Amino acid sequence: MIASDEDVERALSFLRDSAGELGEARARAIKAGHWLKHVEALEYKASDARNEAGRKADARTSERYIEAIYEDADAAGELAKLYALREAAAAKIEAWRSQSANYRAMKL
């Protein structure tokens, strides 16, 4: 047996219950991406370098920019994790559907 009725019930509950968490993770990932760009712009503007390449280098090597990179990566990782968990739950439901259809076909 690939998936029991209880497995499917848990998978359905997870899909239902994690929708809000997925939305929050998506919002956090979007905010983190924009925050990264914002920090880069602020650091670029604050740089004393005389040319664009120097300002960009200063901005991208600042501590605030590095922290923003980690925040962006953490948010993206959490979002990917939730998508993967939801995909696994959906796959379990689909496997149960196939298993049930095969069982019904064998009974005929």
N, C-alpha and C. Protein backbone atom coordinates (compact mmCIF):
# COMPACT_ATOMS: atom_id res chain seq x y z
N MET A 1 0.84 -1.18 0.00
CA MET A 1 0.00 0.00 0.00
C MET A 1 0.89 1.25 0.00
N ILE A 2 0.68 2.11 -0.93
CA ILE A 2 1.47 3.33 -1.08
C ILE A 2 1.07 4.36 -0.03
N ALA A 3 -0.21 4.58 0.12
CA ALA A 3 -0.70 5.58 1.06
C ALA A 3 -2.01 5.11 1.66
N SER A 4 -2.12 5.24 2.97
CA SER A 4 -3.36 4.87 3.64
C SER A 4 -4.33 6.05 3.63
N ASP A 5 -5.55 5.78 4.00
CA ASP A 5 -6.54 6.85 4.10
C ASP A 5 -6.10 7.91 5.12
N GLU A 6 -5.47 7.45 6.19
CA GLU A 6 -4.99 8.38 7.22
C GLU A 6 -3.87 9.27 6.67
N ASP A 7 -2.99 8.68 5.85
CA ASP A 7 -1.93 9.47 5.21
C ASP A 7 -2.52 10.57 4.34
N VAL A 8 -3.53 10.21 3.60
CA VAL A 8 -4.17 11.17 2.71
C VAL A 8 -4.87 12.26 3.52
N GLU A 9 -5.51 11.87 4.60
CA GLU A 9 -6.17 12.85 5.46
C GLU A 9 -5.16 13.84 6.03
N ARG A 10 -4.00 13.32 6.47
CA ARG A 10 -2.95 14.21 6.98
C ARG A 10 -2.41 15.11 5.88
N ALA A 11 -2.24 14.57 4.69
CA ALA A 11 -1.75 15.37 3.57
C ALA A 11 -2.73 16.48 3.21
N LEU A 12 -4.01 16.15 3.18
CA LEU A 12 -5.03 17.17 2.89
C LEU A 12 -5.05 18.24 3.97
N SER A 13 -4.95 17.81 5.22
CA SER A 13 -4.92 18.77 6.33
C SER A 13 -3.70 19.67 6.23
N PHE A 14 -2.57 19.09 5.89
CA PHE A 14 -1.35 19.88 5.75
C PHE A 14 -1.51 20.92 4.64
N LEU A 15 -2.05 20.51 3.51
CA LEU A 15 -2.23 21.46 2.41
C LEU A 15 -3.15 22.60 2.83
N ARG A 16 -4.21 22.26 3.52
CA ARG A 16 -5.14 23.28 3.99
C ARG A 16 -4.49 24.19 5.03
N ASP A 17 -3.85 23.58 6.01
CA ASP A 17 -3.32 24.34 7.15
C ASP A 17 -2.05 25.13 6.81
N SER A 18 -1.32 24.73 5.79
CA SER A 18 -0.06 25.42 5.48
C SER A 18 -0.23 26.55 4.48
N ALA A 19 -1.44 26.77 4.02
CA ALA A 19 -1.67 27.82 3.02
C ALA A 19 -1.27 29.19 3.57
N GLY A 20 -1.66 29.49 4.79
CA GLY A 20 -1.30 30.76 5.39
C GLY A 20 0.19 30.91 5.58
N GLU A 21 0.82 29.83 6.04
CA GLU A 21 2.27 29.84 6.24
C GLU A 21 3.00 30.05 4.92
N LEU A 22 2.49 29.44 3.86
CA LEU A 22 3.09 29.61 2.54
C LEU A 22 2.97 31.07 2.08
N GLY A 23 1.81 31.66 2.31
CA GLY A 23 1.63 33.06 1.95
C GLY A 23 2.58 33.97 2.71
N GLU A 24 2.74 33.71 4.00
CA GLU A 24 3.66 34.50 4.81
C GLU A 24 5.10 34.33 4.35
N ALA A 25 5.47 33.10 4.00
CA ALA A 25 6.84 32.84 3.52
C ALA A 25 7.07 33.53 2.19
N ARG A 26 6.08 33.53 1.34
CA ARG A 26 6.20 34.22 0.04
C ARG A 26 6.37 35.72 0.25
N ALA A 27 5.57 36.29 1.15
CA ALA A 27 5.68 37.72 1.45
C ALA A 27 7.06 38.05 2.01
N ARG A 28 7.55 37.20 2.91
CA ARG A 28 8.88 37.43 3.49
C ARG A 28 9.96 37.37 2.42
N ALA A 29 9.84 36.42 1.50
CA ALA A 29 10.83 36.29 0.43
C ALA A 29 10.82 37.52 -0.48
N ILE A 30 9.65 38.03 -0.80
CA ILE A 30 9.56 39.22 -1.64
C ILE A 30 10.15 40.42 -0.92
N LYS A 31 9.78 40.58 0.34
CA LYS A 31 10.32 41.70 1.13
C LYS A 31 11.84 41.61 1.24
N ALA A 32 12.35 40.41 1.48
CA ALA A 32 13.80 40.24 1.63
C ALA A 32 14.53 40.59 0.34
N GLY A 33 13.96 40.21 -0.79
CA GLY A 33 14.57 40.54 -2.08
C GLY A 33 14.62 42.06 -2.31
N HIS A 34 13.53 42.72 -1.97
CA HIS A 34 13.50 44.18 -2.12
C HIS A 34 14.42 44.86 -1.09
N TRP A 35 14.47 44.30 0.11
CA TRP A 35 15.34 44.87 1.14
C TRP A 35 16.80 44.79 0.68
N LEU A 36 17.18 43.70 0.07
CA LEU A 36 18.54 43.54 -0.43
C LEU A 36 18.88 44.66 -1.42
N LYS A 37 17.97 44.93 -2.34
CA LYS A 37 18.19 46.01 -3.32
C LYS A 37 18.25 47.37 -2.62
N HIS A 38 17.42 47.56 -1.63
CA HIS A 38 17.39 48.82 -0.89
C HIS A 38 18.70 49.06 -0.15
N VAL A 39 19.17 48.02 0.53
CA VAL A 39 20.43 48.14 1.26
C VAL A 39 21.57 48.43 0.28
N GLU A 40 21.58 47.75 -0.85
CA GLU A 40 22.63 48.01 -1.84
C GLU A 40 22.60 49.47 -2.28
N ALA A 41 21.41 49.99 -2.53
CA ALA A 41 21.29 51.38 -2.98
C ALA A 41 21.76 52.35 -1.89
N LEU A 42 21.39 52.08 -0.65
CA LEU A 42 21.82 52.94 0.45
C LEU A 42 23.33 52.92 0.61
N GLU A 43 23.92 51.75 0.54
CA GLU A 43 25.36 51.62 0.69
C GLU A 43 26.10 52.23 -0.51
N TYR A 44 25.52 52.09 -1.68
CA TYR A 44 26.10 52.70 -2.89
C TYR A 44 26.13 54.22 -2.72
N LYS A 45 25.00 54.75 -2.27
CA LYS A 45 24.88 56.19 -2.09
C LYS A 45 25.85 56.71 -1.02
N ALA A 46 26.08 55.91 0.02
CA ALA A 46 26.94 56.34 1.13
C ALA A 46 28.43 56.19 0.81
N SER A 47 28.76 55.51 -0.27
CA SER A 47 30.16 55.26 -0.61
C SER A 47 30.89 56.55 -0.97
N ASP A 48 32.16 56.58 -0.62
CA ASP A 48 33.02 57.71 -0.96
C ASP A 48 33.82 57.46 -2.25
N ALA A 49 33.59 56.32 -2.86
CA ALA A 49 34.34 55.99 -4.09
C ALA A 49 33.99 56.99 -5.18
N ARG A 50 34.95 57.19 -6.10
CA ARG A 50 34.77 58.21 -7.13
C ARG A 50 34.10 57.67 -8.40
N ASN A 51 34.10 56.37 -8.57
CA ASN A 51 33.47 55.84 -9.78
C ASN A 51 32.40 54.80 -9.42
N GLU A 52 31.61 54.44 -10.43
CA GLU A 52 30.49 53.53 -10.22
C GLU A 52 30.96 52.15 -9.74
N ALA A 53 32.01 51.63 -10.34
CA ALA A 53 32.51 50.31 -9.95
C ALA A 53 32.94 50.29 -8.49
N GLY A 54 33.60 51.36 -8.06
CA GLY A 54 34.04 51.44 -6.67
C GLY A 54 32.87 51.55 -5.71
N ARG A 55 31.87 52.33 -6.08
CA ARG A 55 30.67 52.47 -5.23
C ARG A 55 29.93 51.14 -5.12
N LYS A 56 29.81 50.46 -6.26
CA LYS A 56 29.13 49.16 -6.26
C LYS A 56 29.90 48.15 -5.41
N ALA A 57 31.21 48.16 -5.53
CA ALA A 57 32.04 47.25 -4.72
C ALA A 57 31.89 47.57 -3.24
N ASP A 58 31.91 48.84 -2.90
CA ASP A 58 31.73 49.24 -1.50
C ASP A 58 30.37 48.78 -0.98
N ALA A 59 29.34 48.99 -1.80
CA ALA A 59 28.00 48.61 -1.38
C ALA A 59 27.88 47.11 -1.16
N ARG A 60 28.44 46.33 -2.08
CA ARG A 60 28.29 44.87 -2.01
C ARG A 60 29.22 44.20 -1.01
N THR A 61 30.14 44.93 -0.48
CA THR A 61 31.02 44.35 0.54
C THR A 61 30.70 44.88 1.94
N SER A 62 29.66 45.67 2.05
CA SER A 62 29.29 46.21 3.36
C SER A 62 28.64 45.13 4.22
N GLU A 63 28.75 45.31 5.51
CA GLU A 63 28.16 44.34 6.46
C GLU A 63 26.64 44.29 6.31
N ARG A 64 26.01 45.44 6.12
CA ARG A 64 24.55 45.48 5.96
C ARG A 64 24.11 44.70 4.72
N TYR A 65 24.86 44.81 3.65
CA TYR A 65 24.52 44.09 2.42
C TYR A 65 24.66 42.59 2.62
N ILE A 66 25.72 42.17 3.29
CA ILE A 66 25.93 40.74 3.55
C ILE A 66 24.79 40.20 4.42
N GLU A 67 24.40 40.95 5.43
CA GLU A 67 23.27 40.53 6.28
C GLU A 67 21.99 40.41 5.46
N ALA A 68 21.78 41.36 4.54
CA ALA A 68 20.59 41.31 3.69
C ALA A 68 20.63 40.10 2.76
N ILE A 69 21.82 39.73 2.29
CA ILE A 69 21.95 38.53 1.45
C ILE A 69 21.52 37.29 2.23
N TYR A 70 21.98 37.18 3.47
CA TYR A 70 21.61 36.03 4.29
C TYR A 70 20.11 35.99 4.56
N GLU A 71 19.53 37.14 4.83
CA GLU A 71 18.08 37.20 5.05
C GLU A 71 17.32 36.78 3.80
N ASP A 72 17.77 37.25 2.65
CA ASP A 72 17.14 36.89 1.38
C ASP A 72 17.25 35.38 1.14
N ALA A 73 18.43 34.83 1.39
CA ALA A 73 18.65 33.39 1.20
C ALA A 73 17.80 32.57 2.17
N ASP A 74 17.73 33.00 3.41
CA ASP A 74 16.92 32.28 4.40
C ASP A 74 15.44 32.28 3.99
N ALA A 75 14.95 33.42 3.56
CA ALA A 75 13.55 33.53 3.14
C ALA A 75 13.28 32.65 1.92
N ALA A 76 14.20 32.66 0.96
CA ALA A 76 14.04 31.83 -0.23
C ALA A 76 14.09 30.35 0.12
N GLY A 77 14.96 29.99 1.04
CA GLY A 77 15.05 28.59 1.48
C GLY A 77 13.79 28.12 2.17
N GLU A 78 13.23 28.94 3.03
CA GLU A 78 11.99 28.59 3.72
C GLU A 78 10.84 28.45 2.73
N LEU A 79 10.78 29.33 1.77
CA LEU A 79 9.74 29.25 0.75
C LEU A 79 9.88 27.97 -0.07
N ALA A 80 11.09 27.64 -0.47
CA ALA A 80 11.33 26.42 -1.23
C ALA A 80 10.96 25.18 -0.42
N LYS A 81 11.27 25.20 0.87
CA LYS A 81 10.92 24.08 1.75
C LYS A 81 9.41 23.88 1.81
N LEU A 82 8.67 24.97 1.98
CA LEU A 82 7.21 24.85 2.04
C LEU A 82 6.63 24.36 0.72
N TYR A 83 7.15 24.87 -0.40
CA TYR A 83 6.69 24.38 -1.69
C TYR A 83 6.95 22.88 -1.84
N ALA A 84 8.13 22.44 -1.42
CA ALA A 84 8.49 21.02 -1.54
C ALA A 84 7.59 20.15 -0.66
N LEU A 85 7.33 20.60 0.56
CA LEU A 85 6.45 19.84 1.45
C LEU A 85 5.03 19.76 0.90
N ARG A 86 4.55 20.85 0.33
CA ARG A 86 3.21 20.84 -0.24
C ARG A 86 3.17 19.95 -1.49
N GLU A 87 4.23 19.98 -2.27
CA GLU A 87 4.30 19.12 -3.45
C GLU A 87 4.31 17.64 -3.04
N ALA A 88 5.03 17.34 -1.98
CA ALA A 88 5.07 15.95 -1.49
C ALA A 88 3.69 15.51 -1.00
N ALA A 89 2.98 16.40 -0.33
CA ALA A 89 1.63 16.06 0.15
C ALA A 89 0.70 15.83 -1.04
N ALA A 90 0.80 16.68 -2.05
CA ALA A 90 -0.04 16.51 -3.24
C ALA A 90 0.31 15.22 -3.97
N ALA A 91 1.59 14.87 -4.01
CA ALA A 91 2.00 13.62 -4.66
C ALA A 91 1.46 12.41 -3.91
N LYS A 92 1.44 12.50 -2.59
CA LYS A 92 0.90 11.40 -1.79
C LYS A 92 -0.59 11.22 -2.08
N ILE A 93 -1.31 12.31 -2.21
CA ILE A 93 -2.74 12.24 -2.53
C ILE A 93 -2.93 11.64 -3.92
N GLU A 94 -2.12 12.06 -4.86
CA GLU A 94 -2.23 11.52 -6.22
C GLU A 94 -1.90 10.03 -6.25
N ALA A 95 -0.90 9.61 -5.49
CA ALA A 95 -0.56 8.19 -5.43
C ALA A 95 -1.72 7.40 -4.84
N TRP A 96 -2.36 7.95 -3.82
CA TRP A 96 -3.52 7.29 -3.20
C TRP A 96 -4.66 7.18 -4.21
N ARG A 97 -4.86 8.23 -5.01
CA ARG A 97 -5.92 8.19 -6.02
C ARG A 97 -5.65 7.09 -7.05
N SER A 98 -4.40 7.00 -7.49
CA SER A 98 -4.04 5.95 -8.46
C SER A 98 -4.20 4.56 -7.84
N GLN A 99 -3.73 4.43 -6.60
CA GLN A 99 -3.84 3.17 -5.88
C GLN A 99 -5.31 2.77 -5.72
N SER A 100 -6.16 3.72 -5.40
CA SER A 100 -7.59 3.43 -5.22
C SER A 100 -8.24 3.04 -6.54
N ALA A 101 -7.85 3.72 -7.61
CA ALA A 101 -8.42 3.40 -8.93
C ALA A 101 -7.99 2.00 -9.36
N ASN A 102 -6.74 1.64 -9.10
CA ASN A 102 -6.27 0.30 -9.46
C ASN A 102 -7.00 -0.76 -8.63
N TYR A 103 -7.22 -0.48 -7.37
CA TYR A 103 -7.91 -1.44 -6.50
C TYR A 103 -9.35 -1.63 -6.98
N ARG A 104 -10.01 -0.54 -7.35
CA ARG A 104 -11.39 -0.64 -7.84
C ARG A 104 -11.41 -1.43 -9.16
N ALA A 105 -10.43 -1.23 -10.01
CA ALA A 105 -10.38 -1.94 -11.30
C ALA A 105 -10.16 -3.43 -11.09
N MET A 106 -9.37 -3.79 -10.09
CA MET A 106 -9.12 -5.21 -9.81
C MET A 106 -10.34 -5.89 -9.25
N LYS A 107 -11.19 -5.17 -8.55
CA LYS A 107 -12.40 -5.74 -7.95
C LYS A 107 -13.45 -6.06 -9.00
N LEU A 108 -13.40 -5.36 -10.13
CA LEU A 108 -14.40 -5.60 -11.18
C LEU A 108 -14.08 -6.85 -11.87
